[in-house]
Amino acid sequence: MAARRVTLKSAAVLSSVPLQILFSFNAFYYTFYFLATFLMIIYKSQVYSFPDGNLALDLVLLMLMAVVEMMRLYLGVKGNLTENEISMGSSLGLTVGSVLLCLYFLLWQTYVLKADTIIGAVLLLLYAFEGVLDIVVIADFVRR
């Protein structure tokens, strides 16, 4: 009997562990950010006088930001694990929207407290790290 030789090809795993860790950390941090921002908006509505419609605008934008963030994280995690550059690119595009909404709460909302500035700056820093890693991972996926 002739021995049959089996050769296995190993597929390179291109998914990024650091990016996956950042996505997980961002999910926890964004939950804190959302709750803290929501509670601060409630606090500010009790302590300060909001111009007509501004309180509703702040709340609607916070809810929009939560929806964008959930979609961004879902597409980012899915794209990284499945090595799908389209999902990763969509996540990167939604990161731009999240950054703009974060800048609104950091700079342009009706009343900005020091706590808003601190938690917003940390969130922007996370977005910056994720954006850079997103670009690197997408380049690796496309290069494969």
Foldseek 3Di string as FASTA:
>chain_A
DDDDDDDDDDDDQLFDPVLLVLLVVLVVLVVVVLVVQVVVLVVCVVVDPDPPPLSVVLVVLSVVLVVLSVQLSVLCNVCRRVVPLVSLVVSLVSLVVNLVSLVCQQPPRPDHDPVSVVSSVVSVVSSVVSNVVSVVSSVVSVVD
